[in-house]
Amino acid sequence: VQLVESGGGLVQEGGSLRLSCAASRSILAIDAMGWYRQAPGKQRELVAAITSGGSANSADSVKGRFTISRDNANYTVYLQMNSLKPEDTGVYYCYAEVVDPFYRYWGQGTQVTVSS
């Protein structure tokens, strides 16, 4: 599975962005998809994830501001980011995960920069 992210960019504090992650084939067989981010000098952290059944979870730091969703018909996962803060700045990576056997696919990353 190849994953291509889009939608990153530069936005002012309080603004919104929507990230998209398009898979090269059907995601029905994918157990979970989600987003990680990595800020300069920091470890990669999980932002949000969604299972094939539609159950979603997100990091405490983005709860109430970010929403993850998936469109199985279009092989795409979205991350709607509202009320953005400078600390949301980083490279956002999409992933797709198969549980048995375990394997994780990664996108190339998209830069999100939030200015104060």
C-alpha atoms as a PDB file:
ATOM      1  CA  VAL A   1       0.000   0.000   0.000  1.00  0.00           C
ATOM      2  CA  GLN A   2       1.335   3.401  -0.915  1.00  0.00           C
ATOM      3  CA  LEU A   3       0.153   6.394   1.103  1.00  0.00           C
ATOM      4  CA  VAL A   4       0.226   9.970  -0.140  1.00  0.00           C
ATOM      5  CA  GLU A   5      -0.450  12.831   2.261  1.00  0.00           C
ATOM      6  CA  SER A   6      -1.621  16.296   1.309  1.00  0.00           C
ATOM      7  CA  GLY A   7      -3.113  19.364   2.913  1.00  0.00           C
ATOM      8  CA  GLY A   8      -0.242  20.611   5.022  1.00  0.00           C
ATOM      9  CA  GLY A   9       0.911  24.194   5.000  1.00  0.00           C
ATOM     10  CA  LEU A  10       1.364  27.382   6.953  1.00  0.00           C
ATOM     11  CA  VAL A  11      -1.514  28.675   9.043  1.00  0.00           C
ATOM     12  CA  GLN A  12      -1.948  31.228  11.800  1.00  0.00           C
ATOM     13  CA  GLU A  13      -2.736  30.252  15.350  1.00  0.00           C
ATOM     14  CA  GLY A  14      -6.436  29.482  15.677  1.00  0.00           C
ATOM     15  CA  GLY A  15      -6.744  28.464  12.050  1.00  0.00           C
ATOM     16  CA  SER A  16      -7.682  25.148  10.470  1.00  0.00           C
ATOM     17  CA  LEU A  17      -6.227  22.629   8.075  1.00  0.00           C
ATOM     18  CA  ARG A  18      -7.446  19.320   6.726  1.00  0.00           C
ATOM     19  CA  LEU A  19      -4.902  16.638   5.977  1.00  0.00           C
ATOM     20  CA  SER A  20      -5.678  13.839   3.541  1.00  0.00           C
ATOM     21  CA  CYS A  21      -4.006  10.472   3.202  1.00  0.00           C
ATOM     22  CA  ALA A  22      -4.815   8.635   0.002  1.00  0.00           C
ATOM     23  CA  ALA A  23      -4.028   4.931  -0.236  1.00  0.00           C
ATOM     24  CA  SER A  24      -3.100   3.235  -3.492  1.00  0.00           C
ATOM     25  CA  ARG A  25      -5.693   0.493  -3.040  1.00  0.00           C
ATOM     26  CA  SER A  26      -8.736  -0.394  -0.976  1.00  0.00           C
ATOM     27  CA  ILE A  27      -8.340   0.179   2.743  1.00  0.00           C
ATOM     28  CA  LEU A  28     -11.047  -2.288   3.705  1.00  0.00           C
ATOM     29  CA  ALA A  29      -8.378  -4.865   4.586  1.00  0.00           C
ATOM     30  CA  ILE A  30      -6.436  -2.308   6.614  1.00  0.00           C
ATOM     31  CA  ASP A  31      -7.042  -2.730  10.344  1.00  0.00           C
ATOM     32  CA  ALA A  32      -6.183   0.785  11.401  1.00  0.00           C
ATOM     33  CA  MET A  33      -5.007   4.054   9.947  1.00  0.00           C
ATOM     34  CA  GLY A  34      -3.877   7.199  11.593  1.00  0.00           C
ATOM     35  CA  TRP A  35      -1.504  10.077  11.936  1.00  0.00           C
ATOM     36  CA  TYR A  36       1.724  10.640  13.801  1.00  0.00           C
ATOM     37  CA  ARG A  37       3.594  13.909  13.999  1.00  0.00           C
ATOM     38  CA  GLN A  38       7.167  14.845  14.687  1.00  0.00           C
ATOM     39  CA  ALA A  39       8.256  18.263  15.850  1.00  0.00           C
ATOM     40  CA  PRO A  40      11.873  19.394  15.476  1.00  0.00           C
ATOM     41  CA  GLY A  41      14.049  17.772  18.115  1.00  0.00           C
ATOM     42  CA  LYS A  42      11.205  15.623  19.439  1.00  0.00           C
ATOM     43  CA  GLN A  43      10.119  12.025  19.073  1.00  0.00           C
ATOM     44  CA  ARG A  44       7.342  11.032  16.748  1.00  0.00           C
ATOM     45  CA  GLU A  45       4.018  10.947  18.611  1.00  0.00           C
ATOM     46  CA  LEU A  46       0.630   9.475  17.806  1.00  0.00           C
ATOM     47  CA  VAL A  47      -1.957  12.134  17.015  1.00  0.00           C
ATOM     48  CA  ALA A  48      -5.034  10.122  16.086  1.00  0.00           C
ATOM     49  CA  ALA A  49      -6.053   6.714  14.800  1.00  0.00           C
ATOM     50  CA  ILE A  50      -9.159   5.036  13.444  1.00  0.00           C
ATOM     51  CA  THR A  51      -9.948   1.344  13.071  1.00  0.00           C
ATOM     52  CA  SER A  52     -11.606  -0.403  10.167  1.00  0.00           C
ATOM     53  CA  GLY A  53     -14.799  -0.395  12.208  1.00  0.00           C
ATOM     54  CA  GLY A  54     -14.651   3.360  12.637  1.00  0.00           C
ATOM     55  CA  SER A  55     -13.526   3.543  16.258  1.00  0.00           C
ATOM     56  CA  ALA A  56     -11.312   6.562  16.718  1.00  0.00           C
ATOM     57  CA  ASN A  57      -8.988   7.824  19.385  1.00  0.00           C
ATOM     58  CA  SER A  58      -6.716  10.820  19.677  1.00  0.00           C
ATOM     59  CA  ALA A  59      -3.984  12.232  21.850  1.00  0.00           C
ATOM     60  CA  ASP A  60      -5.070  14.280  24.845  1.00  0.00           C
ATOM     61  CA  SER A  61      -3.275  17.309  23.408  1.00  0.00           C
ATOM     62  CA  VAL A  62      -5.565  17.410  20.371  1.00  0.00           C
ATOM     63  CA  LYS A  63      -8.863  16.173  21.823  1.00  0.00           C
ATOM     64  CA  GLY A  64     -11.705  18.491  20.966  1.00  0.00           C
ATOM     65  CA  ARG A  65      -9.677  20.145  18.203  1.00  0.00           C
ATOM     66  CA  PHE A  66      -8.705  17.365  15.773  1.00  0.00           C
ATOM     67  CA  THR A  67     -11.046  14.841  14.168  1.00  0.00           C
ATOM     68  CA  ILE A  68      -9.992  11.758  12.237  1.00  0.00           C
ATOM     69  CA  SER A  69     -12.252  10.100   9.685  1.00  0.00           C
ATOM     70  CA  ARG A  70     -11.959   7.566   6.887  1.00  0.00           C
ATOM     71  CA  ASP A  71     -13.662   7.216   3.538  1.00  0.00           C
ATOM     72  CA  ASN A  72     -13.391   3.569   2.536  1.00  0.00           C
ATOM     73  CA  ALA A  73     -14.914   4.174  -0.891  1.00  0.00           C
ATOM     74  CA  ASN A  74     -12.139   6.622  -1.766  1.00  0.00           C
ATOM     75  CA  TYR A  75      -9.321   4.845   0.098  1.00  0.00           C
ATOM     76  CA  THR A  76      -8.694   8.016   2.103  1.00  0.00           C
ATOM     77  CA  VAL A  77      -8.226   9.051   5.712  1.00  0.00           C
ATOM     78  CA  TYR A  78      -8.628  12.639   6.841  1.00  0.00           C
ATOM     79  CA  LEU A  79      -7.432  14.664   9.792  1.00  0.00           C
ATOM     80  CA  GLN A  80      -9.451  17.815  10.384  1.00  0.00           C
ATOM     81  CA  MET A  81      -7.422  20.173  12.546  1.00  0.00           C
ATOM     82  CA  ASN A  82      -9.123  23.162  14.131  1.00  0.00           C
ATOM     83  CA  SER A  83      -7.980  25.766  16.646  1.00  0.00           C
ATOM     84  CA  LEU A  84      -4.394  25.101  15.694  1.00  0.00           C
ATOM     85  CA  LYS A  85      -1.621  26.057  18.092  1.00  0.00           C
ATOM     86  CA  PRO A  86       2.093  26.683  17.478  1.00  0.00           C
ATOM     87  CA  GLU A  87       2.837  23.455  19.348  1.00  0.00           C
ATOM     88  CA  ASP A  88       0.974  21.554  16.613  1.00  0.00           C
ATOM     89  CA  THR A  89       3.815  22.412  14.245  1.00  0.00           C
ATOM     90  CA  GLY A  90       5.634  19.420  12.802  1.00  0.00           C
ATOM     91  CA  VAL A  91       5.739  16.874  10.036  1.00  0.00           C
ATOM     92  CA  TYR A  92       2.579  14.787   9.975  1.00  0.00           C
ATOM     93  CA  TYR A  93       2.875  11.190   8.826  1.00  0.00           C
ATOM     94  CA  CYS A  94       0.015   8.980   7.781  1.00  0.00           C
ATOM     95  CA  TYR A  95       0.198   5.260   8.470  1.00  0.00           C
ATOM     96  CA  ALA A  96      -1.808   2.167   7.625  1.00  0.00           C
ATOM     97  CA  GLU A  97      -1.572  -0.933   9.766  1.00  0.00           C
ATOM     98  CA  VAL A  98      -2.302  -4.600   9.229  1.00  0.00           C
ATOM     99  CA  VAL A  99      -2.474  -6.659  12.397  1.00  0.00           C
ATOM    100  CA  ASP A 100      -1.979 -10.264  11.262  1.00  0.00           C
ATOM    101  CA  PRO A 101       0.787 -10.461  10.290  1.00  0.00           C
ATOM    102  CA  PHE A 102       1.715  -7.084  11.683  1.00  0.00           C
ATOM    103  CA  TYR A 103       2.947  -4.526   9.207  1.00  0.00           C
ATOM    104  CA  ARG A 104       2.791  -0.754   9.085  1.00  0.00           C
ATOM    105  CA  TYR A 105       2.930   1.344   5.951  1.00  0.00           C
ATOM    106  CA  TRP A 106       3.994   5.004   6.061  1.00  0.00           C
ATOM    107  CA  GLY A 107       3.442   8.058   3.957  1.00  0.00           C
ATOM    108  CA  GLN A 108       6.187  10.525   3.134  1.00  0.00           C
ATOM    109  CA  GLY A 109       4.961  13.192   5.538  1.00  0.00           C
ATOM    110  CA  THR A 110       3.482  16.641   5.153  1.00  0.00           C
ATOM    111  CA  GLN A 111       4.654  19.785   6.938  1.00  0.00           C
ATOM    112  CA  VAL A 112       2.273  21.718   9.159  1.00  0.00           C
ATOM    113  CA  THR A 113       3.464  25.060  10.504  1.00  0.00           C
ATOM    114  CA  VAL A 114       1.370  27.149  12.885  1.00  0.00           C
ATOM    115  CA  SER A 115       2.544  30.713  13.430  1.00  0.00           C
ATOM    116  CA  SER A 116       1.740  32.724  16.539  1.00  0.00           C
END
